[in-house]
């Protein structure tokens, strides 16, 4: 059996905090906040990309119409 299986949750939590402090990573709440922010930004990016693509279509259509 792997040694980690013998550890209780309290020891694992302390171990996680130790690693976090030594590596300088975000806390769980900070991580969740960053995940939510990233999701929101990805949604905004998708919206902006869609709007950009639609604008490009309109510009191409206007250029095509003006060519005749």
PDB file of N, CA and C in Angstrom:
ATOM      1  N   UNK A   1       0.838  -1.178   0.000  1.00  0.00           N
ATOM      2  CA  UNK A   1       0.000   0.000   0.000  1.00  0.00           C
ATOM      3  C   UNK A   1       0.887   1.247   0.000  1.00  0.00           C
ATOM      4  N   UNK A   2       0.473   2.259  -0.708  1.00  0.00           N
ATOM      5  CA  UNK A   2       1.229   3.503  -0.835  1.00  0.00           C
ATOM      6  C   UNK A   2       1.208   4.259   0.488  1.00  0.00           C
ATOM      7  N   UNK A   3       2.331   4.884   0.902  1.00  0.00           N
ATOM      8  CA  UNK A   3       2.394   5.599   2.184  1.00  0.00           C
ATOM      9  C   UNK A   3       1.347   6.696   2.328  1.00  0.00           C
ATOM     10  N   UNK A   4       0.946   7.328   1.221  1.00  0.00           N
ATOM     11  CA  UNK A   4      -0.026   8.415   1.311  1.00  0.00           C
ATOM     12  C   UNK A   4      -1.366   7.899   1.824  1.00  0.00           C
ATOM     13  N   UNK A   5      -1.686   6.644   1.561  1.00  0.00           N
ATOM     14  CA  UNK A   5      -2.951   6.076   2.011  1.00  0.00           C
ATOM     15  C   UNK A   5      -3.057   6.054   3.539  1.00  0.00           C
ATOM     16  N   UNK A   6      -1.946   6.132   4.230  1.00  0.00           N
ATOM     17  CA  UNK A   6      -1.952   6.110   5.688  1.00  0.00           C
ATOM     18  C   UNK A   6      -2.162   7.495   6.295  1.00  0.00           C
ATOM     19  N   UNK A   7      -2.045   8.534   5.494  1.00  0.00           N
ATOM     20  CA  UNK A   7      -2.182   9.895   6.006  1.00  0.00           C
ATOM     21  C   UNK A   7      -3.640  10.263   6.170  1.00  0.00           C
ATOM     22  N   UNK A   8      -3.941  11.014   7.232  1.00  0.00           N
ATOM     23  CA  UNK A   8      -5.321  11.465   7.401  1.00  0.00           C
ATOM     24  C   UNK A   8      -5.505  12.812   6.714  1.00  0.00           C
ATOM     25  N   UNK A   9      -6.747  13.279   6.639  1.00  0.00           N
ATOM     26  CA  UNK A   9      -7.046  14.521   5.919  1.00  0.00           C
ATOM     27  C   UNK A   9      -6.327  15.720   6.516  1.00  0.00           C
ATOM     28  N   UNK A  10      -6.198  15.764   7.821  1.00  0.00           N
ATOM     29  CA  UNK A  10      -5.539  16.901   8.471  1.00  0.00           C
ATOM     30  C   UNK A  10      -4.082  17.010   8.031  1.00  0.00           C
ATOM     31  N   UNK A  11      -3.408  15.891   7.953  1.00  0.00           N
ATOM     32  CA  UNK A  11      -2.015  15.882   7.511  1.00  0.00           C
ATOM     33  C   UNK A  11      -1.935  16.313   6.052  1.00  0.00           C
ATOM     34  N   UNK A  12      -2.862  15.828   5.223  1.00  0.00           N
ATOM     35  CA  UNK A  12      -2.855  16.205   3.817  1.00  0.00           C
ATOM     36  C   UNK A  12      -3.106  17.692   3.632  1.00  0.00           C
ATOM     37  N   UNK A  13      -4.001  18.264   4.429  1.00  0.00           N
ATOM     38  CA  UNK A  13      -4.274  19.699   4.352  1.00  0.00           C
ATOM     39  C   UNK A  13      -3.026  20.482   4.737  1.00  0.00           C
ATOM     40  N   UNK A  14      -2.361  20.069   5.790  1.00  0.00           N
ATOM     41  CA  UNK A  14      -1.121  20.743   6.201  1.00  0.00           C
ATOM     42  C   UNK A  14      -0.058  20.609   5.112  1.00  0.00           C
ATOM     43  N   UNK A  15       0.022  19.443   4.511  1.00  0.00           N
ATOM     44  CA  UNK A  15       0.989  19.213   3.442  1.00  0.00           C
ATOM     45  C   UNK A  15       0.695  20.130   2.256  1.00  0.00           C
ATOM     46  N   UNK A  16      -0.595  20.242   1.895  1.00  0.00           N
ATOM     47  CA  UNK A  16      -0.988  21.124   0.792  1.00  0.00           C
ATOM     48  C   UNK A  16      -0.611  22.568   1.091  1.00  0.00           C
ATOM     49  N   UNK A  17      -0.854  23.017   2.301  1.00  0.00           N
ATOM     50  CA  UNK A  17      -0.503  24.401   2.685  1.00  0.00           C
ATOM     51  C   UNK A  17       1.009  24.612   2.634  1.00  0.00           C
ATOM     52  N   UNK A  18       1.765  23.617   3.101  1.00  0.00           N
ATOM     53  CA  UNK A  18       3.219  23.706   3.068  1.00  0.00           C
ATOM     54  C   UNK A  18       3.714  23.852   1.631  1.00  0.00           C
ATOM     55  N   UNK A  19       3.211  23.000   0.745  1.00  0.00           N
ATOM     56  CA  UNK A  19       3.615  23.056  -0.670  1.00  0.00           C
ATOM     57  C   UNK A  19       3.221  24.405  -1.264  1.00  0.00           C
ATOM     58  N   UNK A  20       2.015  24.856  -0.963  1.00  0.00           N
ATOM     59  CA  UNK A  20       1.535  26.131  -1.494  1.00  0.00           C
ATOM     60  C   UNK A  20       2.439  27.271  -1.042  1.00  0.00           C
ATOM     61  N   UNK A  21       2.802  27.278   0.237  1.00  0.00           N
ATOM     62  CA  UNK A  21       3.661  28.346   0.752  1.00  0.00           C
ATOM     63  C   UNK A  21       5.038  28.298   0.103  1.00  0.00           C
ATOM     64  N   UNK A  22       5.586  27.104  -0.066  1.00  0.00           N
ATOM     65  CA  UNK A  22       6.927  26.977  -0.633  1.00  0.00           C
ATOM     66  C   UNK A  22       6.959  27.294  -2.121  1.00  0.00           C
ATOM     67  N   UNK A  23       5.899  26.922  -2.833  1.00  0.00           N
ATOM     68  CA  UNK A  23       5.866  27.159  -4.273  1.00  0.00           C
ATOM     69  C   UNK A  23       5.228  28.499  -4.624  1.00  0.00           C
ATOM     70  N   UNK A  24       4.544  29.105  -3.680  1.00  0.00           N
ATOM     71  CA  UNK A  24       3.941  30.408  -3.919  1.00  0.00           C
ATOM     72  C   UNK A  24       2.679  30.359  -4.759  1.00  0.00           C
ATOM     73  N   UNK A  25       1.972  29.248  -4.760  1.00  0.00           N
ATOM     74  CA  UNK A  25       0.746  29.122  -5.537  1.00  0.00           C
ATOM     75  C   UNK A  25      -0.430  29.796  -4.855  1.00  0.00           C
ATOM     76  N   UNK A  26      -1.519  29.967  -5.589  1.00  0.00           N
ATOM     77  CA  UNK A  26      -2.709  30.613  -5.027  1.00  0.00           C
ATOM     78  C   UNK A  26      -3.424  29.678  -4.049  1.00  0.00           C
ATOM     79  N   UNK A  27      -4.184  30.276  -3.133  1.00  0.00           N
ATOM     80  CA  UNK A  27      -5.008  29.482  -2.233  1.00  0.00           C
ATOM     81  C   UNK A  27      -6.180  28.913  -3.023  1.00  0.00           C
ATOM     82  N   UNK A  28      -6.927  28.022  -2.409  1.00  0.00           N
ATOM     83  CA  UNK A  28      -8.065  27.419  -3.093  1.00  0.00           C
ATOM     84  C   UNK A  28      -9.079  28.485  -3.491  1.00  0.00           C
ATOM     85  N   UNK A  29      -9.364  29.414  -2.588  1.00  0.00           N
ATOM     86  CA  UNK A  29     -10.331  30.468  -2.924  1.00  0.00           C
ATOM     87  C   UNK A  29      -9.808  31.372  -4.031  1.00  0.00           C
ATOM     88  N   UNK A  30      -8.512  31.671  -4.004  1.00  0.00           N
ATOM     89  CA  UNK A  30      -7.913  32.478  -5.078  1.00  0.00           C
ATOM     90  C   UNK A  30      -7.970  31.726  -6.398  1.00  0.00           C
ATOM     91  N   UNK A  31      -7.705  30.424  -6.347  1.00  0.00           N
ATOM     92  CA  UNK A  31      -7.741  29.594  -7.552  1.00  0.00           C
ATOM     93  C   UNK A  31      -9.148  29.575  -8.140  1.00  0.00           C
ATOM     94  N   UNK A  32     -10.152  29.400  -7.281  1.00  0.00           N
ATOM     95  CA  UNK A  32     -11.540  29.373  -7.750  1.00  0.00           C
ATOM     96  C   UNK A  32     -11.937  30.718  -8.339  1.00  0.00           C
ATOM     97  N   UNK A  33     -11.471  31.794  -7.717  1.00  0.00           N
ATOM     98  CA  UNK A  33     -11.759  33.133  -8.239  1.00  0.00           C
ATOM     99  C   UNK A  33     -11.107  33.316  -9.615  1.00  0.00           C
ATOM    100  N   UNK A  34      -9.867  32.860  -9.757  1.00  0.00           N
ATOM    101  CA  UNK A  34      -9.171  32.956 -11.039  1.00  0.00           C
ATOM    102  C   UNK A  34      -9.853  32.104 -12.104  1.00  0.00           C
ATOM    103  N   UNK A  35     -10.339  30.927 -11.713  1.00  0.00           N
ATOM    104  CA  UNK A  35     -11.064  30.070 -12.662  1.00  0.00           C
ATOM    105  C   UNK A  35     -12.323  30.770 -13.158  1.00  0.00           C
ATOM    106  N   UNK A  36     -13.071  31.393 -12.235  1.00  0.00           N
ATOM    107  CA  UNK A  36     -14.298  32.103 -12.607  1.00  0.00           C
ATOM    108  C   UNK A  36     -13.977  33.279 -13.520  1.00  0.00           C
ATOM    109  N   UNK A  37     -12.898  34.006 -13.191  1.00  0.00           N
ATOM    110  CA  UNK A  37     -12.492  35.147 -14.018  1.00  0.00           C
ATOM    111  C   UNK A  37     -12.077  34.684 -15.411  1.00  0.00           C
ATOM    112  N   UNK A  38     -11.343  33.577 -15.476  1.00  0.00           N
ATOM    113  CA  UNK A  38     -10.915  33.054 -16.771  1.00  0.00           C
ATOM    114  C   UNK A  38     -12.131  32.632 -17.603  1.00  0.00           C
ATOM    115  N   UNK A  39     -13.091  31.993 -16.971  1.00  0.00           N
ATOM    116  CA  UNK A  39     -14.301  31.576 -17.677  1.00  0.00           C
ATOM    117  C   UNK A  39     -15.046  32.787 -18.219  1.00  0.00           C
ATOM    118  N   UNK A  40     -15.157  33.829 -17.407  1.00  0.00           N
ATOM    119  CA  UNK A  40     -15.830  35.056 -17.845  1.00  0.00           C
ATOM    120  C   UNK A  40     -15.091  35.694 -19.015  1.00  0.00           C
ATOM    121  N   UNK A  41     -13.771  35.730 -18.934  1.00  0.00           N
ATOM    122  CA  UNK A  41     -12.979  36.310 -20.022  1.00  0.00           C
ATOM    123  C   UNK A  41     -13.085  35.480 -21.298  1.00  0.00           C
ATOM    124  N   UNK A  42     -13.136  34.150 -21.164  1.00  0.00           N
ATOM    125  CA  UNK A  42     -13.296  33.299 -22.345  1.00  0.00           C
ATOM    126  C   UNK A  42     -14.647  33.550 -23.000  1.00  0.00           C
ATOM    127  N   UNK A  43     -15.688  33.745 -22.186  1.00  0.00           N
ATOM    128  CA  UNK A  43     -17.009  34.053 -22.739  1.00  0.00           C
ATOM    129  C   UNK A  43     -17.002  35.393 -23.463  1.00  0.00           C
ATOM    130  N   UNK A  44     -16.370  36.403 -22.857  1.00  0.00           N
ATOM    131  CA  UNK A  44     -16.276  37.711 -23.494  1.00  0.00           C
ATOM    132  C   UNK A  44     -15.491  37.619 -24.797  1.00  0.00           C
ATOM    133  N   UNK A  45     -14.401  36.849 -24.774  1.00  0.00           N
ATOM    134  CA  UNK A  45     -13.594  36.660 -25.980  1.00  0.00           C
ATOM    135  C   UNK A  45     -14.440  36.038 -27.086  1.00  0.00           C
ATOM    136  N   UNK A  46     -15.206  35.004 -26.737  1.00  0.00           N
ATOM    137  CA  UNK A  46     -16.067  34.354 -27.725  1.00  0.00           C
ATOM    138  C   UNK A  46     -17.070  35.330 -28.315  1.00  0.00           C
ATOM    139  N   UNK A  47     -17.667  36.164 -27.456  1.00  0.00           N
ATOM    140  CA  UNK A  47     -18.622  37.171 -27.935  1.00  0.00           C
ATOM    141  C   UNK A  47     -17.947  38.174 -28.870  1.00  0.00           C
ATOM    142  N   UNK A  48     -16.776  38.652 -28.459  1.00  0.00           N
ATOM    143  CA  UNK A  48     -16.052  39.626 -29.283  1.00  0.00           C
ATOM    144  C   UNK A  48     -15.589  39.021 -30.602  1.00  0.00           C
ATOM    145  N   UNK A  49     -15.155  37.781 -30.561  1.00  0.00           N
ATOM    146  CA  UNK A  49     -14.725  37.114 -31.788  1.00  0.00           C
ATOM    147  C   UNK A  49     -15.896  36.971 -32.752  1.00  0.00           C
ATOM    148  N   UNK A  50     -17.052  36.592 -32.231  1.00  0.00           N
ATOM    149  CA  UNK A  50     -18.243  36.479 -33.068  1.00  0.00           C
ATOM    150  C   UNK A  50     -18.622  37.816 -33.685  1.00  0.00           C
ATOM    151  N   UNK A  51     -18.577  38.882 -32.874  1.00  0.00           N
ATOM    152  CA  UNK A  51     -18.896  40.215 -33.380  1.00  0.00           C
ATOM    153  C   UNK A  51     -17.876  40.641 -34.441  1.00  0.00           C
ATOM    154  N   UNK A  52     -16.610  40.339 -34.217  1.00  0.00           N
ATOM    155  CA  UNK A  52     -15.554  40.675 -35.178  1.00  0.00           C
ATOM    156  C   UNK A  52     -15.784  39.947 -36.506  1.00  0.00           C
ATOM    157  N   UNK A  53     -16.103  38.676 -36.418  1.00  0.00           N
ATOM    158  CA  UNK A  53     -16.337  37.903 -37.640  1.00  0.00           C
ATOM    159  C   UNK A  53     -17.536  38.453 -38.412  1.00  0.00           C
ATOM    160  N   UNK A  54     -18.576  38.830 -37.697  1.00  0.00           N
ATOM    161  CA  UNK A  54     -19.759  39.399 -38.347  1.00  0.00           C
ATOM    162  C   UNK A  54     -19.418  40.738 -39.007  1.00  0.00           C
ATOM    163  N   UNK A  55     -18.622  41.559 -38.338  1.00  0.00           N
ATOM    164  CA  UNK A  55     -18.205  42.845 -38.907  1.00  0.00           C
ATOM    165  C   UNK A  55     -17.361  42.625 -40.161  1.00  0.00           C
ATOM    166  N   UNK A  56     -16.475  41.644 -40.118  1.00  0.00           N
ATOM    167  CA  UNK A  56     -15.653  41.340 -41.302  1.00  0.00           C
ATOM    168  C   UNK A  56     -16.526  40.937 -42.487  1.00  0.00           C
ATOM    169  N   UNK A  57     -17.561  40.150 -42.236  1.00  0.00           N
ATOM    170  CA  UNK A  57     -18.480  39.761 -43.314  1.00  0.00           C
ATOM    171  C   UNK A  57     -19.158  40.991 -43.906  1.00  0.00           C
ATOM    172  N   UNK A  58     -19.596  41.895 -43.035  1.00  0.00           N
ATOM    173  CA  UNK A  58     -20.262  43.109 -43.509  1.00  0.00           C
ATOM    174  C   UNK A  58     -19.317  43.978 -44.330  1.00  0.00           C
ATOM    175  N   UNK A  59     -18.073  44.097 -43.890  1.00  0.00           N
ATOM    176  CA  UNK A  59     -17.088  44.901 -44.621  1.00  0.00           C
ATOM    177  C   UNK A  59     -16.821  44.278 -45.986  1.00  0.00           C
ATOM    178  N   UNK A  60     -16.661  42.962 -46.036  1.00  0.00           N
ATOM    179  CA  UNK A  60     -16.435  42.285 -47.325  1.00  0.00           C
ATOM    180  C   UNK A  60     -17.625  42.499 -48.255  1.00  0.00           C
ATOM    181  N   UNK A  61     -18.831  42.433 -47.703  1.00  0.00           N
ATOM    182  CA  UNK A  61     -20.023  42.650 -48.514  1.00  0.00           C
ATOM    183  C   UNK A  61     -20.066  44.074 -49.055  1.00  0.00           C
ATOM    184  N   UNK A  62     -19.745  45.056 -48.209  1.00  0.00           N
ATOM    185  CA  UNK A  62     -19.716  46.450 -48.651  1.00  0.00           C
ATOM    186  C   UNK A  62     -18.660  46.666 -49.733  1.00  0.00           C
ATOM    187  N   UNK A  63     -17.506  46.050 -49.563  1.00  0.00           N
ATOM    188  CA  UNK A  63     -16.443  46.167 -50.585  1.00  0.00           C
ATOM    189  C   UNK A  63     -16.893  45.533 -51.893  1.00  0.00           C
ATOM    190  N   UNK A  64     -17.582  44.422 -51.815  1.00  0.00           N
ATOM    191  CA  UNK A  64     -18.067  43.727 -53.009  1.00  0.00           C
ATOM    192  C   UNK A  64     -19.115  44.598 -53.727  1.00  0.00           C
ATOM    193  N   UNK A  65     -20.024  45.191 -52.952  1.00  0.00           N
ATOM    194  CA  UNK A  65     -21.070  46.036 -53.530  1.00  0.00           C
ATOM    195  C   UNK A  65     -20.463  47.277 -54.194  1.00  0.00           C
ATOM    196  N   UNK A  66     -19.486  47.894 -53.558  1.00  0.00           N
ATOM    197  CA  UNK A  66     -18.863  49.093 -54.091  1.00  0.00           C
ATOM    198  C   UNK A  66     -18.032  48.792 -55.337  1.00  0.00           C
ATOM    199  N   UNK A  67     -17.611  47.551 -55.483  1.00  0.00           N
ATOM    200  CA  UNK A  67     -16.798  47.184 -56.654  1.00  0.00           C
ATOM    201  C   UNK A  67     -17.628  47.208 -57.933  1.00  0.00           C
ATOM    202  N   UNK A  68     -18.933  47.131 -57.803  1.00  0.00           N
ATOM    203  CA  UNK A  68     -19.805  47.117 -58.995  1.00  0.00           C
ATOM    204  C   UNK A  68     -20.486  48.405 -59.209  1.00  0.00           C
TER     205      UNK A  68
END
